[in-house]
């Protein structure tokens, strides 16, 4: 069979006219794609420098924050040092205050604990918080009651008692106490 050749000159003419336009368009597309590819390469090539710049700015910000924290750290260190000094001074004051008891207060507490009719004749308060008292009692029962009351007292701790006679008469007894 024979092929039939179409003799449509107008159509061929249009195809030939469009060929240079397509070539020009293809050339423009290739140039645009080349420029775009070049820009992508430039952007990708500059990413390490951009990343380095970003890291440097973050580092500068962090250094500023660290400098501010160092000032705060210095102040915290000063506060801790002052608190430590305060604690040492409080210990010294407690030690000095613990070593000295107010004799008037001790004497008042001792007088409050005495039974009726008992006379406090002599009191000695030592540096080691011991107390020696010479007390006259009406009877040995009063002395025993006073001694047992001192054992449960929250202010005094009994240590020693002098000789106690069982005769029902006034007697003077020397007692040793330790202050609590």
N, C-alpha and C. Protein backbone atom coordinates (compact mmCIF):
# COMPACT_ATOMS: atom_id res chain seq x y z
N UNK A 1 0.82 -1.17 0.00
CA UNK A 1 0.00 0.00 0.00
C UNK A 1 0.87 1.24 0.00
N UNK A 2 0.29 2.11 -0.50
CA UNK A 2 0.98 3.37 -0.61
C UNK A 2 0.51 4.32 0.44
N UNK A 3 1.48 5.05 0.90
CA UNK A 3 1.10 6.06 1.88
C UNK A 3 0.63 7.30 1.18
N UNK A 4 -0.27 7.83 1.76
CA UNK A 4 -0.82 9.03 1.17
C UNK A 4 -0.12 10.21 1.79
N UNK A 5 0.42 11.04 1.05
CA UNK A 5 1.13 12.21 1.53
C UNK A 5 0.16 13.37 1.49
N UNK A 6 0.11 13.99 2.62
CA UNK A 6 -0.83 15.10 2.71
C UNK A 6 -0.11 16.37 2.29
N UNK A 7 -0.74 17.10 1.52
CA UNK A 7 -0.12 18.30 0.99
C UNK A 7 -0.73 19.52 1.65
N UNK A 8 -0.64 19.57 2.93
CA UNK A 8 -1.19 20.71 3.67
C UNK A 8 -0.03 21.66 3.95
N UNK A 9 0.14 22.62 3.08
CA UNK A 9 1.27 23.54 3.17
C UNK A 9 1.14 24.50 4.36
N UNK A 10 -0.07 24.85 4.68
CA UNK A 10 -0.27 25.80 5.78
C UNK A 10 0.17 25.20 7.11
N UNK A 11 -0.13 23.93 7.24
CA UNK A 11 0.24 23.28 8.50
C UNK A 11 1.76 23.16 8.59
N UNK A 12 2.41 22.81 7.54
CA UNK A 12 3.86 22.70 7.55
C UNK A 12 4.49 24.07 7.81
N UNK A 13 3.91 25.05 7.23
CA UNK A 13 4.46 26.40 7.40
C UNK A 13 4.38 26.82 8.87
N UNK A 14 3.24 26.48 9.54
CA UNK A 14 3.08 26.82 10.96
C UNK A 14 4.09 26.07 11.82
N UNK A 15 4.34 24.81 11.48
CA UNK A 15 5.29 24.00 12.25
C UNK A 15 6.69 24.60 12.11
N UNK A 16 7.04 25.03 10.92
CA UNK A 16 8.36 25.62 10.72
C UNK A 16 8.49 26.96 11.42
N UNK A 17 7.42 27.70 11.51
CA UNK A 17 7.48 28.99 12.21
C UNK A 17 7.61 28.79 13.73
N UNK A 18 7.01 27.73 14.24
CA UNK A 18 7.06 27.48 15.70
C UNK A 18 8.41 26.91 16.13
N UNK A 19 9.14 26.29 15.24
CA UNK A 19 10.41 25.65 15.59
C UNK A 19 11.41 26.65 16.17
N UNK A 20 11.64 27.83 15.58
CA UNK A 20 12.58 28.77 16.21
C UNK A 20 12.08 29.31 17.56
N UNK A 21 10.75 29.45 17.68
CA UNK A 21 10.20 29.92 18.97
C UNK A 21 10.44 28.88 20.05
N UNK A 22 10.27 27.61 19.70
CA UNK A 22 10.52 26.54 20.68
C UNK A 22 12.00 26.53 21.06
N UNK A 23 12.84 26.68 20.10
CA UNK A 23 14.28 26.68 20.38
C UNK A 23 14.63 27.85 21.30
N UNK A 24 14.05 29.02 21.02
CA UNK A 24 14.32 30.18 21.87
C UNK A 24 13.78 29.96 23.28
N UNK A 25 12.58 29.37 23.36
CA UNK A 25 11.99 29.09 24.68
C UNK A 25 12.84 28.06 25.42
N UNK A 26 13.24 27.00 24.71
CA UNK A 26 14.10 25.99 25.33
C UNK A 26 15.42 26.60 25.80
N UNK A 27 15.95 27.53 25.01
CA UNK A 27 17.19 28.20 25.39
C UNK A 27 16.98 29.03 26.66
N UNK A 28 15.86 29.75 26.73
CA UNK A 28 15.55 30.55 27.93
C UNK A 28 15.35 29.67 29.16
N UNK A 29 14.67 28.56 28.97
CA UNK A 29 14.45 27.63 30.08
C UNK A 29 15.79 27.07 30.55
N UNK A 30 16.65 26.71 29.59
CA UNK A 30 17.97 26.18 29.97
C UNK A 30 18.79 27.23 30.73
N UNK A 31 18.74 28.46 30.26
CA UNK A 31 19.47 29.54 30.95
C UNK A 31 18.91 29.74 32.36
N UNK A 32 17.57 29.78 32.48
CA UNK A 32 16.95 29.95 33.80
C UNK A 32 17.30 28.80 34.72
N UNK A 33 17.25 27.57 34.19
CA UNK A 33 17.62 26.41 35.01
C UNK A 33 19.10 26.46 35.39
N UNK A 34 19.95 26.92 34.47
CA UNK A 34 21.37 27.06 34.78
C UNK A 34 21.61 28.08 35.88
N UNK A 35 20.92 29.25 35.75
CA UNK A 35 21.05 30.28 36.79
C UNK A 35 20.53 29.76 38.12
N UNK A 36 19.38 29.07 38.10
CA UNK A 36 18.82 28.50 39.32
C UNK A 36 19.76 27.46 39.93
N UNK A 37 20.34 26.61 39.09
CA UNK A 37 21.28 25.61 39.59
C UNK A 37 22.52 26.30 40.17
N UNK A 38 22.97 27.38 39.52
CA UNK A 38 24.11 28.14 40.04
C UNK A 38 23.80 28.74 41.40
N UNK A 39 22.59 29.32 41.53
CA UNK A 39 22.18 29.89 42.82
C UNK A 39 22.10 28.82 43.90
N UNK A 40 21.56 27.66 43.55
CA UNK A 40 21.48 26.56 44.52
C UNK A 40 22.88 26.15 44.95
N UNK A 41 23.80 26.07 43.98
CA UNK A 41 25.18 25.71 44.33
C UNK A 41 25.81 26.77 45.23
N UNK A 42 25.55 28.04 44.93
CA UNK A 42 26.09 29.12 45.76
C UNK A 42 25.52 29.05 47.17
N UNK A 43 24.19 28.83 47.27
CA UNK A 43 23.56 28.73 48.59
C UNK A 43 24.10 27.54 49.35
N UNK A 44 24.18 26.39 48.68
CA UNK A 44 24.70 25.20 49.36
C UNK A 44 26.18 25.37 49.72
N UNK A 45 26.91 26.05 48.86
CA UNK A 45 28.33 26.29 49.15
C UNK A 45 28.53 27.26 50.29
N UNK A 46 27.60 28.19 50.47
CA UNK A 46 27.75 29.19 51.54
C UNK A 46 27.12 28.74 52.86
N UNK A 47 26.45 27.61 52.89
CA UNK A 47 25.83 27.14 54.14
C UNK A 47 26.83 26.99 55.29
N UNK A 48 28.03 26.45 55.07
CA UNK A 48 28.96 26.37 56.20
C UNK A 48 29.29 27.73 56.79
N UNK A 49 29.45 28.76 55.95
CA UNK A 49 29.75 30.08 56.46
C UNK A 49 28.55 30.69 57.18
N UNK A 50 27.36 30.44 56.64
CA UNK A 50 26.15 30.92 57.31
C UNK A 50 25.99 30.24 58.66
N UNK A 51 26.23 28.93 58.69
CA UNK A 51 26.12 28.18 59.94
C UNK A 51 27.17 28.65 60.94
N UNK A 52 28.38 28.92 60.46
CA UNK A 52 29.43 29.44 61.35
C UNK A 52 29.05 30.81 61.90
N UNK A 53 28.48 31.66 61.07
CA UNK A 53 28.03 32.97 61.53
C UNK A 53 26.95 32.84 62.60
N UNK A 54 26.01 31.93 62.36
CA UNK A 54 24.94 31.71 63.34
C UNK A 54 25.52 31.20 64.67
N UNK A 55 26.47 30.27 64.58
CA UNK A 55 27.10 29.75 65.81
C UNK A 55 27.87 30.85 66.54
N UNK A 56 28.53 31.72 65.80
CA UNK A 56 29.28 32.81 66.44
C UNK A 56 28.34 33.78 67.15
N UNK A 57 27.19 34.08 66.54
CA UNK A 57 26.24 34.97 67.22
C UNK A 57 25.67 34.31 68.47
N UNK A 58 25.36 33.01 68.39
CA UNK A 58 24.86 32.30 69.57
C UNK A 58 25.94 32.25 70.65
N UNK A 59 27.19 32.06 70.24
CA UNK A 59 28.29 32.03 71.20
C UNK A 59 28.45 33.38 71.90
N UNK A 60 28.30 34.46 71.15
CA UNK A 60 28.39 35.79 71.75
C UNK A 60 27.28 35.99 72.77
N UNK A 61 26.07 35.56 72.44
CA UNK A 61 24.94 35.69 73.37
C UNK A 61 25.19 34.85 74.62
N UNK A 62 25.67 33.63 74.43
CA UNK A 62 25.95 32.76 75.58
C UNK A 62 27.07 33.32 76.45
N UNK A 63 28.08 33.92 75.84
CA UNK A 63 29.16 34.53 76.62
C UNK A 63 28.63 35.69 77.46
N UNK A 64 27.70 36.46 76.91
CA UNK A 64 27.10 37.54 77.68
C UNK A 64 26.31 36.98 78.86
N UNK A 65 25.56 35.91 78.62
CA UNK A 65 24.79 35.30 79.70
C UNK A 65 25.72 34.73 80.77
N UNK A 66 26.81 34.10 80.33
CA UNK A 66 27.77 33.54 81.29
C UNK A 66 28.40 34.64 82.11
N UNK A 67 28.72 35.76 81.48
CA UNK A 67 29.29 36.89 82.22
C UNK A 67 28.31 37.38 83.28
N UNK A 68 27.04 37.44 82.92
CA UNK A 68 26.02 37.85 83.90
C UNK A 68 25.93 36.82 85.02
N UNK A 69 26.01 35.54 84.67
CA UNK A 69 25.94 34.49 85.70
C UNK A 69 27.18 34.48 86.58
N UNK A 70 28.33 34.88 86.04
CA UNK A 70 29.53 34.94 86.86
C UNK A 70 29.40 36.00 87.93
N UNK A 71 28.77 37.11 87.60
CA UNK A 71 28.51 38.13 88.61
C UNK A 71 27.60 37.58 89.69
N UNK A 72 26.56 36.86 89.27
CA UNK A 72 25.63 36.26 90.23
C UNK A 72 26.36 35.20 91.05
N UNK A 73 27.21 34.41 90.39
CA UNK A 73 27.96 33.38 91.09
C UNK A 73 28.88 34.00 92.14
N UNK A 74 29.49 35.12 91.80
CA UNK A 74 30.34 35.82 92.78
C UNK A 74 29.52 36.28 93.98
N UNK A 75 28.33 36.78 93.72
CA UNK A 75 27.47 37.23 94.82
C UNK A 75 27.00 36.05 95.66
N UNK A 76 26.68 34.93 94.99
CA UNK A 76 26.28 33.73 95.73
C UNK A 76 27.43 33.25 96.60
N UNK A 77 28.65 33.29 96.07
CA UNK A 77 29.82 32.89 96.84
C UNK A 77 30.00 33.80 98.05
N UNK A 78 29.80 35.11 97.86
CA UNK A 78 29.90 36.04 98.98
C UNK A 78 28.84 35.73 100.04
N UNK A 79 27.62 35.45 99.59
CA UNK A 79 26.54 35.13 100.54
C UNK A 79 26.88 33.86 101.32
N UNK A 80 27.39 32.84 100.61
CA UNK A 80 27.77 31.61 101.30
C UNK A 80 28.88 31.86 102.30
N UNK A 81 29.86 32.67 101.93
CA UNK A 81 30.95 32.98 102.86
C UNK A 81 30.42 33.73 104.07
N UNK A 82 29.52 34.68 103.84
CA UNK A 82 28.94 35.43 104.96
C UNK A 82 28.09 34.53 105.85
N UNK A 83 27.33 33.60 105.24
CA UNK A 83 26.53 32.67 106.04
C UNK A 83 27.44 31.77 106.88
N UNK A 84 28.57 31.37 106.30
CA UNK A 84 29.51 30.54 107.04
C UNK A 84 30.10 31.32 108.21
N UNK A 85 30.46 32.59 107.98
CA UNK A 85 30.98 33.42 109.06
C UNK A 85 29.91 33.62 110.13
N UNK A 86 28.68 33.83 109.70
CA UNK A 86 27.59 34.01 110.65
C UNK A 86 27.41 32.76 111.50
N UNK A 87 27.47 31.59 110.85
CA UNK A 87 27.35 30.34 111.59
C UNK A 87 28.46 30.18 112.62
N UNK A 88 29.69 30.53 112.23
CA UNK A 88 30.81 30.44 113.17
C UNK A 88 30.62 31.41 114.34
N UNK A 89 30.17 32.61 114.04
CA UNK A 89 29.96 33.59 115.11
C UNK A 89 28.82 33.15 116.02
N UNK A 90 27.77 32.56 115.44
CA UNK A 90 26.68 32.06 116.28
C UNK A 90 27.16 30.93 117.18
N UNK A 91 28.04 30.07 116.65
CA UNK A 91 28.59 28.99 117.48
C UNK A 91 29.41 29.56 118.62
N UNK A 92 30.20 30.60 118.31
CA UNK A 92 31.00 31.24 119.37
C UNK A 92 30.09 31.85 120.42
N UNK A 93 29.04 32.54 119.96
CA UNK A 93 28.10 33.15 120.91
C UNK A 93 27.39 32.09 121.74
N UNK A 94 26.99 30.99 121.10
CA UNK A 94 26.35 29.91 121.85
C UNK A 94 27.31 29.31 122.87
N UNK A 95 28.57 29.17 122.45
CA UNK A 95 29.57 28.61 123.36
C UNK A 95 29.78 29.54 124.54
N UNK A 96 29.93 30.84 124.25
CA UNK A 96 30.13 31.81 125.33
C UNK A 96 28.88 31.90 126.19
N UNK A 97 27.71 31.93 125.54
CA UNK A 97 26.46 31.99 126.30
C UNK A 97 26.22 30.73 127.10
N UNK A 98 26.64 29.59 126.55
CA UNK A 98 26.48 28.33 127.27
C UNK A 98 27.41 28.23 128.45
N UNK A 99 28.55 28.91 128.35
CA UNK A 99 29.51 28.87 129.45
C UNK A 99 29.04 29.72 130.63
N UNK A 100 28.35 30.77 130.32
CA UNK A 100 27.92 31.67 131.39
C UNK A 100 26.42 31.55 131.59
N UNK A 101 26.04 31.36 132.80
CA UNK A 101 24.63 31.38 133.16
C UNK A 101 24.41 32.60 134.04
N UNK A 102 23.26 33.16 133.92
CA UNK A 102 22.93 34.33 134.72
C UNK A 102 22.75 33.87 136.16
N UNK A 103 23.60 34.32 137.07
CA UNK A 103 23.50 33.85 138.46
C UNK A 103 22.17 34.22 139.11
N UNK A 104 21.64 35.39 138.77
CA UNK A 104 20.36 35.79 139.34
C UNK A 104 19.25 34.84 138.93
N UNK A 105 19.25 34.44 137.68
CA UNK A 105 18.24 33.51 137.18
C UNK A 105 18.39 32.14 137.84
N UNK A 106 19.62 31.68 137.98
CA UNK A 106 19.87 30.39 138.63
C UNK A 106 19.42 30.43 140.08
N UNK A 107 19.73 31.52 140.76
CA UNK A 107 19.34 31.66 142.17
C UNK A 107 17.82 31.71 142.32
N UNK A 108 17.14 32.41 141.42
CA UNK A 108 15.67 32.47 141.48
C UNK A 108 15.05 31.08 141.26
N UNK A 109 15.58 30.33 140.30
CA UNK A 109 15.04 28.98 140.05
C UNK A 109 15.29 28.07 141.25
N UNK A 110 16.45 28.22 141.86
CA UNK A 110 16.76 27.39 143.03
C UNK A 110 15.84 27.75 144.20
N UNK A 111 15.59 29.04 144.40
CA UNK A 111 14.71 29.47 145.50
C UNK A 111 13.27 29.00 145.27
N UNK A 112 12.82 28.99 144.00
CA UNK A 112 11.47 28.52 143.70
C UNK A 112 11.30 27.05 144.05
N UNK A 113 12.37 26.29 143.93
CA UNK A 113 12.29 24.85 144.18
C UNK A 113 12.40 24.49 145.65
N UNK A 114 12.83 25.43 146.48
CA UNK A 114 13.02 25.12 147.91
C UNK A 114 11.68 24.90 148.60
N UNK A 115 11.63 23.95 149.52
CA UNK A 115 10.40 23.75 150.29
C UNK A 115 10.22 24.88 151.31
N UNK A 116 9.02 24.97 151.85
CA UNK A 116 8.72 26.02 152.83
C UNK A 116 9.60 25.83 154.06
N UNK A 117 10.16 26.90 154.54
CA UNK A 117 10.99 26.86 155.74
C UNK A 117 12.45 26.60 155.46
N UNK A 118 12.81 26.26 154.25
CA UNK A 118 14.22 26.01 153.92
C UNK A 118 14.91 27.34 153.67
N UNK A 119 16.17 27.41 154.07
CA UNK A 119 16.93 28.65 153.93
C UNK A 119 18.17 28.36 153.08
N UNK A 120 18.34 29.16 152.06
CA UNK A 120 19.51 29.03 151.20
C UNK A 120 20.62 29.86 151.83
N UNK A 121 21.66 29.19 152.32
CA UNK A 121 22.71 29.89 153.05
C UNK A 121 23.87 30.32 152.15
N UNK A 122 24.27 29.46 151.22
CA UNK A 122 25.44 29.76 150.41
C UNK A 122 25.26 29.12 149.03
N UNK A 123 25.63 29.86 147.98
CA UNK A 123 25.55 29.33 146.62
C UNK A 123 26.85 29.70 145.90
N UNK A 124 27.42 28.71 145.20
CA UNK A 124 28.62 28.95 144.40
C UNK A 124 28.35 28.44 142.98
N UNK A 125 28.49 29.33 142.02
CA UNK A 125 28.30 28.96 140.61
C UNK A 125 29.68 28.95 139.95
N UNK A 126 30.09 27.78 139.46
CA UNK A 126 31.42 27.62 138.86
C UNK A 126 31.37 27.82 137.34
N UNK A 127 32.56 27.93 136.73
CA UNK A 127 32.65 28.13 135.28
C UNK A 127 32.13 26.94 134.49
N UNK A 128 32.26 25.74 135.03
CA UNK A 128 31.82 24.54 134.30
C UNK A 128 30.34 24.24 134.52
N UNK A 129 29.57 25.26 134.90
CA UNK A 129 28.12 25.17 135.10
C UNK A 129 27.73 24.22 136.22
N UNK A 130 28.59 24.09 137.20
CA UNK A 130 28.22 23.33 138.40
C UNK A 130 27.85 24.33 139.48
N UNK A 131 26.99 23.87 140.35
CA UNK A 131 26.45 24.73 141.40
C UNK A 131 26.58 24.00 142.72
N UNK A 132 27.14 24.66 143.70
CA UNK A 132 27.24 24.09 145.05
C UNK A 132 26.41 24.98 145.96
N UNK A 133 25.44 24.37 146.62
CA UNK A 133 24.53 25.13 147.48
C UNK A 133 24.53 24.54 148.88
N UNK A 134 24.53 25.43 149.84
CA UNK A 134 24.42 25.02 151.24
C UNK A 134 23.03 25.46 151.69
N UNK A 135 22.18 24.46 152.05
CA UNK A 135 20.77 24.74 152.34
C UNK A 135 20.43 24.16 153.71
N UNK A 136 19.67 24.96 154.49
CA UNK A 136 19.17 24.49 155.79
C UNK A 136 17.73 24.04 155.62
N UNK A 137 17.46 22.77 155.99
CA UNK A 137 16.12 22.21 155.91
C UNK A 137 15.57 22.02 157.31
N UNK A 138 14.22 22.09 157.45
CA UNK A 138 13.59 21.88 158.75
C UNK A 138 13.64 20.42 159.16
N UNK A 139 13.52 19.51 158.16
CA UNK A 139 13.52 18.09 158.49
C UNK A 139 14.19 17.31 157.36
N UNK A 140 14.59 16.07 157.62
CA UNK A 140 15.20 15.27 156.57
C UNK A 140 14.21 14.94 155.45
N UNK A 141 12.92 14.92 155.76
CA UNK A 141 11.91 14.66 154.73
C UNK A 141 11.91 15.79 153.71
N UNK A 142 12.03 17.05 154.18
CA UNK A 142 12.12 18.19 153.26
C UNK A 142 13.35 18.07 152.36
N UNK A 143 14.47 17.64 152.94
CA UNK A 143 15.70 17.48 152.15
C UNK A 143 15.53 16.39 151.10
N UNK A 144 14.89 15.28 151.47
CA UNK A 144 14.69 14.19 150.52
C UNK A 144 13.72 14.61 149.40
N UNK A 145 12.66 15.32 149.76
CA UNK A 145 11.71 15.81 148.75
C UNK A 145 12.38 16.80 147.79
N UNK A 146 13.20 17.68 148.36
CA UNK A 146 13.92 18.64 147.52
C UNK A 146 14.88 17.91 146.58
N UNK A 147 15.58 16.93 147.10
CA UNK A 147 16.54 16.16 146.30
C UNK A 147 15.83 15.43 145.14
N UNK A 148 14.70 14.81 145.43
CA UNK A 148 13.97 14.10 144.37
C UNK A 148 13.37 15.09 143.36
N UNK A 149 12.93 16.27 143.83
CA UNK A 149 12.41 17.29 142.90
C UNK A 149 13.51 17.80 141.98
N UNK A 150 14.73 17.89 142.50
CA UNK A 150 15.84 18.34 141.67
C UNK A 150 16.22 17.28 140.63
N UNK A 151 16.02 16.00 140.94
CA UNK A 151 16.34 14.93 139.98
C UNK A 151 15.46 15.01 138.73
N UNK A 152 14.22 15.45 138.88
CA UNK A 152 13.31 15.55 137.74
C UNK A 152 13.21 16.98 137.20
N UNK A 153 13.98 17.88 137.77
CA UNK A 153 13.94 19.28 137.33
C UNK A 153 14.53 19.41 135.93
N UNK A 154 13.99 20.35 135.16
CA UNK A 154 14.51 20.58 133.82
C UNK A 154 15.66 21.59 133.82
N UNK A 155 15.94 22.19 134.98
CA UNK A 155 17.00 23.18 135.06
C UNK A 155 18.26 22.64 135.73
N UNK A 156 18.09 21.72 136.67
CA UNK A 156 19.22 21.23 137.45
C UNK A 156 19.34 19.73 137.33
N UNK A 157 20.58 19.26 137.40
CA UNK A 157 20.86 17.83 137.42
C UNK A 157 21.63 17.58 138.71
N UNK A 158 21.10 16.73 139.58
CA UNK A 158 21.75 16.50 140.88
C UNK A 158 22.98 15.64 140.70
N UNK A 159 24.04 15.99 141.44
CA UNK A 159 25.29 15.24 141.34
C UNK A 159 25.69 14.63 142.68
N UNK A 160 25.60 15.41 143.75
CA UNK A 160 26.09 14.91 145.03
C UNK A 160 25.30 15.58 146.16
N UNK A 161 25.21 14.87 147.24
CA UNK A 161 24.57 15.41 148.44
C UNK A 161 25.48 15.12 149.62
N UNK A 162 25.56 16.08 150.52
CA UNK A 162 26.38 15.89 151.72
C UNK A 162 25.69 14.92 152.68
N UNK A 163 26.25 14.79 153.86
CA UNK A 163 25.70 13.87 154.87
C UNK A 163 24.33 14.36 155.32
N UNK A 164 23.40 13.42 155.43
CA UNK A 164 22.03 13.74 155.83
C UNK A 164 21.71 12.93 157.07
N UNK A 165 21.34 13.63 158.11
CA UNK A 165 20.99 12.96 159.36
C UNK A 165 19.50 12.65 159.34
N UNK A 166 19.11 11.54 159.94
CA UNK A 166 17.71 11.16 159.97
C UNK A 166 16.99 11.71 161.20
N UNK A 167 17.68 12.48 162.02
CA UNK A 167 17.03 13.11 163.18
C UNK A 167 16.09 14.19 162.68
N UNK A 168 14.97 14.29 163.35
CA UNK A 168 13.96 15.26 162.95
C UNK A 168 14.30 16.62 163.55
N UNK A 169 15.29 17.27 162.98
CA UNK A 169 15.72 18.60 163.43
C UNK A 169 16.28 19.37 162.24
N UNK A 170 16.44 20.67 162.43
CA UNK A 170 16.99 21.50 161.35
C UNK A 170 18.44 21.10 161.12
N UNK A 171 18.78 20.94 159.79
CA UNK A 171 20.16 20.59 159.46
C UNK A 171 20.55 21.26 158.15
N UNK A 172 21.82 21.55 158.03
CA UNK A 172 22.37 22.20 156.83
C UNK A 172 23.07 21.14 155.99
N UNK A 173 22.70 21.10 154.71
CA UNK A 173 23.24 20.09 153.80
C UNK A 173 23.88 20.80 152.61
N UNK A 174 25.03 20.30 152.19
CA UNK A 174 25.71 20.83 151.00
C UNK A 174 25.35 19.91 149.82
N UNK A 175 24.82 20.53 148.76
CA UNK A 175 24.41 19.76 147.58
C UNK A 175 25.12 20.31 146.34
N UNK A 176 25.46 19.40 145.43
CA UNK A 176 26.08 19.80 144.16
C UNK A 176 25.10 19.51 143.02
N UNK A 177 24.97 20.50 142.14
CA UNK A 177 24.09 20.39 140.98
C UNK A 177 24.86 20.77 139.72
N UNK A 178 24.38 20.29 138.61
CA UNK A 178 24.91 20.72 137.31
C UNK A 178 23.74 21.36 136.56
N UNK A 179 24.02 22.51 135.98
CA UNK A 179 22.97 23.22 135.24
C UNK A 179 22.74 22.54 133.89
N UNK A 180 21.49 22.45 133.50
CA UNK A 180 21.17 21.85 132.19
C UNK A 180 21.02 22.92 131.15
